[in-house]
């Protein structure tokens, strides 16, 4: 299974509560933090919801 490297590039300040919750559920706690997740449909859906706030790269 491939992995996704997710980096938060924008702040959650003045964002809707649902977007803040998605960022927290992804494990991102502060600006420029990076986490690695499995590439699953549920993670892809979460990333789609906050695509303007994160950078996603595939990890081999």
Protein backbone atom coordinates (compact mmCIF):
# COMPACT_ATOMS: atom_id res chain seq x y z
CA UNK A 1 0.00 0.00 0.00
CA UNK A 2 1.36 3.41 -0.89
CA UNK A 3 1.80 6.20 1.62
CA UNK A 4 0.98 9.89 1.48
CA UNK A 5 3.14 12.63 3.01
CA UNK A 6 0.84 15.44 4.16
CA UNK A 7 2.21 18.87 5.11
CA UNK A 8 0.09 21.70 6.48
CA UNK A 9 0.88 24.88 4.53
CA UNK A 10 -1.85 27.23 5.75
CA UNK A 11 -3.11 28.15 9.20
CA UNK A 12 -6.44 27.00 10.64
CA UNK A 13 -7.12 30.46 12.08
CA UNK A 14 -10.49 31.81 10.89
CA UNK A 15 -11.37 28.56 9.09
CA UNK A 16 -14.71 26.75 9.52
CA UNK A 17 -14.90 24.31 12.42
CA UNK A 18 -15.26 21.27 10.14
CA UNK A 19 -11.96 22.10 8.39
CA UNK A 20 -10.19 22.58 11.74
CA UNK A 21 -11.49 19.19 12.88
CA UNK A 22 -10.27 17.48 9.70
CA UNK A 23 -6.79 18.99 10.12
CA UNK A 24 -6.72 17.76 13.73
CA UNK A 25 -7.94 14.29 12.69
CA UNK A 26 -5.09 14.09 10.18
CA UNK A 27 -2.70 14.62 13.10
CA UNK A 28 -1.55 18.08 12.05
CA UNK A 29 -1.15 20.31 15.10
CA UNK A 30 0.73 23.32 13.75
CA UNK A 31 1.82 25.11 10.59
CA UNK A 32 4.48 23.29 8.48
CA UNK A 33 3.96 19.99 10.34
CA UNK A 34 4.27 16.82 8.25
CA UNK A 35 2.64 13.41 8.81
CA UNK A 36 2.54 10.20 6.80
CA UNK A 37 -0.71 8.28 6.19
CA UNK A 38 -1.73 5.21 4.23
CA UNK A 39 -3.40 6.02 0.92
CA UNK A 40 -7.00 5.04 1.68
CA UNK A 41 -10.30 6.43 0.37
CA UNK A 42 -11.15 7.91 3.77
CA UNK A 43 -7.84 9.79 3.99
CA UNK A 44 -8.25 10.96 0.38
CA UNK A 45 -11.70 12.33 1.26
CA UNK A 46 -10.32 14.20 4.26
CA UNK A 47 -7.52 15.65 2.13
CA UNK A 48 -10.01 16.75 -0.51
CA UNK A 49 -11.91 18.71 2.13
CA UNK A 50 -8.82 20.70 3.15
CA UNK A 51 -6.89 20.59 -0.15
CA UNK A 52 -6.30 24.37 -0.01
CA UNK A 53 -4.49 24.04 3.35
CA UNK A 54 -2.22 21.05 2.77
CA UNK A 55 0.46 19.77 0.38
CA UNK A 56 0.28 16.06 -0.49
CA UNK A 57 3.14 13.96 -1.88
CA UNK A 58 3.32 10.24 -2.57
CA UNK A 59 5.99 8.33 -0.67
CA UNK A 60 7.41 5.23 -2.29
